Amino acid sequence: MPREKKEEKVEKPKKEASKKLSNKVEKKTQEYFYGAGGRKESLARVRLFLKKGDLLINEKPVDEYFPGPTAKKVYEEPFRVVNRMDQFSGTIKVQGGGKQGQLGAVSHGISKALVAYDETFRPILSRRKLLTRDSRVKERRKYGHAGKARKMKQSPKR
């Protein structure tokens, strides 16, 4: 004799209730745009804010951290290319390497943060090679050489 299955009614959650919950959750506006840049042994973590102000690098003004007109031209280049000068403020944490490596890392990080802000900046910055990490690093020293990576010991004439 076959057994008869008792049909139990299981109530499924209503879709309407879940829709109401999702509508209540508001989209959070993004406070800052993040980009990480690198050059040689340096790493820069950049946060750009959409308000007019100045850049701070390791809690110092950028003009104090990177003095001189040449450095200013390098870290302002991403803003100049996308025509967004004096529209952003930001904080940058940079570590490792020397000043030139850190300057390159800051420029790379700013470019990536600008792409996070607006994806249409990608082709403009790519054409100027500002989104490409410069992978050149110092070559390691080899044993048996004269203290440098490629310099050889002088051989005797006779």
Protein backbone atom coordinates (compact mmCIF):
# COMPACT_ATOMS: atom_id res chain seq x y z
CA MET A 1 0.00 0.00 0.00
CA PRO A 2 1.60 3.32 -1.09
CA ARG A 3 2.12 5.96 1.46
CA GLU A 4 0.45 9.24 0.98
CA LYS A 5 2.63 12.28 1.42
CA LYS A 6 1.33 14.97 3.59
CA GLU A 7 1.67 18.26 1.87
CA GLU A 8 3.02 20.88 4.16
CA LYS A 9 2.62 24.44 3.18
CA VAL A 10 5.85 26.30 3.56
CA GLU A 11 5.52 30.01 3.22
CA LYS A 12 8.16 31.55 1.01
CA PRO A 13 9.40 34.99 1.87
CA LYS A 14 7.55 37.60 -0.03
CA LYS A 15 9.48 39.41 -2.69
CA GLU A 16 7.68 42.63 -2.00
CA ALA A 17 9.15 42.83 1.50
CA SER A 18 12.71 42.39 0.21
CA LYS A 19 12.15 45.07 -2.43
CA LYS A 20 10.99 47.49 0.21
CA LEU A 21 14.13 46.86 2.24
CA SER A 22 16.44 47.40 -0.72
CA ASN A 23 14.72 50.66 -1.62
CA LYS A 24 15.29 51.98 1.88
CA VAL A 25 19.06 51.50 1.58
CA GLU A 26 20.40 54.70 0.10
CA LYS A 27 23.49 54.82 -2.03
CA LYS A 28 26.36 56.19 -0.03
CA THR A 29 28.16 59.01 -1.77
CA GLN A 30 31.84 58.41 -2.14
CA GLU A 31 33.89 60.59 0.19
CA TYR A 32 37.21 60.18 -1.62
CA PHE A 33 38.78 58.48 -4.62
CA TYR A 34 41.67 56.11 -3.98
CA GLY A 35 44.71 55.28 -6.08
CA ALA A 36 47.94 53.47 -5.27
CA GLY A 37 51.09 54.30 -7.18
CA GLY A 38 54.57 52.85 -7.29
CA ARG A 39 58.01 53.68 -8.59
CA LYS A 40 61.29 51.90 -7.79
CA GLU A 41 61.01 51.03 -4.07
CA SER A 42 58.41 53.72 -3.30
CA LEU A 43 54.71 53.24 -2.67
CA ALA A 44 52.16 56.07 -2.55
CA ARG A 45 48.57 55.74 -1.31
CA VAL A 46 46.48 58.64 -2.62
CA ARG A 47 43.05 59.87 -1.49
CA LEU A 48 41.53 62.67 -3.56
CA PHE A 49 38.60 64.68 -2.21
CA LEU A 50 36.22 66.65 -4.41
CA LYS A 51 36.79 69.97 -2.73
CA LYS A 52 39.18 72.78 -3.44
CA GLY A 53 42.22 72.68 -1.23
CA ASP A 54 45.83 71.60 -1.09
CA LEU A 55 47.58 68.24 -1.18
CA LEU A 56 49.20 66.89 1.98
CA ILE A 57 52.00 64.36 1.71
CA ASN A 58 52.79 62.57 4.97
CA GLU A 59 50.93 65.39 6.79
CA LYS A 60 53.12 68.10 5.18
CA PRO A 61 52.11 70.50 2.40
CA VAL A 62 53.19 69.21 -1.00
CA ASP A 63 55.34 72.30 -1.68
CA GLU A 64 57.30 71.60 1.51
CA TYR A 65 57.71 67.86 0.83
CA PHE A 66 58.68 68.28 -2.84
CA PRO A 67 60.20 71.77 -3.18
CA GLY A 68 61.10 73.23 -6.55
CA PRO A 69 59.43 73.89 -9.88
CA THR A 70 60.52 70.61 -11.50
CA ALA A 71 58.84 68.48 -8.85
CA LYS A 72 55.73 70.66 -9.01
CA LYS A 73 55.47 70.04 -12.75
CA VAL A 74 55.65 66.26 -12.20
CA TYR A 75 52.96 65.91 -9.52
CA GLU A 76 50.61 68.42 -11.22
CA GLU A 77 50.88 66.72 -14.61
CA PRO A 78 47.89 64.33 -14.12
CA PHE A 79 45.64 67.25 -13.10
CA ARG A 80 46.88 69.39 -16.00
CA VAL A 81 46.27 66.64 -18.58
CA VAL A 82 42.61 66.13 -17.56
CA ASN A 83 42.06 69.88 -17.01
CA ARG A 84 41.20 69.56 -13.30
CA MET A 85 43.72 71.95 -11.74
CA ASP A 86 42.73 73.27 -8.26
CA GLN A 87 39.54 71.17 -8.11
CA PHE A 88 40.81 68.46 -5.75
CA SER A 89 42.38 68.28 -2.35
CA GLY A 90 43.96 65.15 -1.01
CA THR A 91 46.07 63.24 1.42
CA ILE A 92 48.96 61.08 0.30
CA LYS A 93 50.95 58.57 2.33
CA VAL A 94 54.26 57.75 0.70
CA GLN A 95 56.95 55.40 1.95
CA GLY A 96 60.14 53.74 0.79
CA GLY A 97 62.76 54.76 -1.74
CA GLY A 98 64.20 58.20 -2.30
CA LYS A 99 62.65 61.52 -3.25
CA GLN A 100 62.62 60.88 -7.02
CA GLY A 101 61.02 57.48 -6.62
CA GLN A 102 58.44 58.92 -4.24
CA LEU A 103 57.66 61.72 -6.69
CA GLY A 104 57.02 59.20 -9.47
CA ALA A 105 54.87 57.10 -7.14
CA VAL A 106 52.77 60.15 -6.17
CA SER A 107 52.18 61.05 -9.82
CA HIS A 108 51.16 57.45 -10.61
CA GLY A 109 48.82 57.30 -7.60
CA ILE A 110 47.15 60.61 -8.47
CA SER A 111 46.53 59.35 -12.01
CA LYS A 112 44.90 56.17 -10.73
CA ALA A 113 42.72 58.13 -8.29
CA LEU A 114 41.56 60.39 -11.14
CA VAL A 115 40.54 57.31 -13.13
CA ALA A 116 38.59 56.08 -10.09
CA TYR A 117 36.82 59.46 -10.10
CA ASP A 118 35.99 59.42 -13.83
CA GLU A 119 36.65 56.46 -16.13
CA THR A 120 36.71 58.74 -19.20
CA PHE A 121 40.12 60.03 -18.06
CA ARG A 122 41.72 56.62 -18.70
CA PRO A 123 42.57 57.07 -22.43
CA ILE A 124 43.86 60.62 -21.86
CA LEU A 125 46.16 59.57 -19.02
CA SER A 126 47.21 56.36 -20.80
CA ARG A 127 48.39 58.29 -23.87
CA ARG A 128 50.71 60.30 -21.62
CA LYS A 129 51.96 57.07 -19.96
CA LEU A 130 50.78 58.31 -16.54
CA LEU A 131 48.92 55.08 -15.70
CA THR A 132 51.89 52.84 -16.50
CA ARG A 133 54.05 51.90 -13.54
CA ASP A 134 57.68 52.56 -14.39
CA SER A 135 59.14 49.15 -13.66
CA ARG A 136 62.81 50.17 -13.84
CA VAL A 137 64.63 49.37 -10.61
CA LYS A 138 68.27 49.38 -9.64
CA GLU A 139 70.12 46.31 -10.85
CA ARG A 140 71.52 44.06 -8.16
CA ARG A 141 75.24 43.84 -7.50
CA LYS A 142 77.02 40.73 -8.71
CA TYR A 143 79.80 38.96 -6.87
CA GLY A 144 83.23 38.98 -8.49
CA HIS A 145 82.65 42.40 -10.02
CA ALA A 146 84.17 45.69 -8.90
CA GLY A 147 81.42 46.66 -6.48
CA LYS A 148 78.85 47.68 -9.10
CA ALA A 149 76.31 45.70 -11.09
CA ARG A 150 78.21 45.68 -14.40
CA LYS A 151 81.64 47.14 -13.69
CA MET A 152 84.38 44.55 -14.12
CA LYS A 153 87.70 44.28 -12.35
CA GLN A 154 90.62 45.59 -14.33
CA SER A 155 92.69 42.85 -15.88
CA PRO A 156 96.52 43.08 -15.88
CA LYS A 157 98.28 43.90 -19.12
CA ARG A 158 101.25 41.52 -18.71
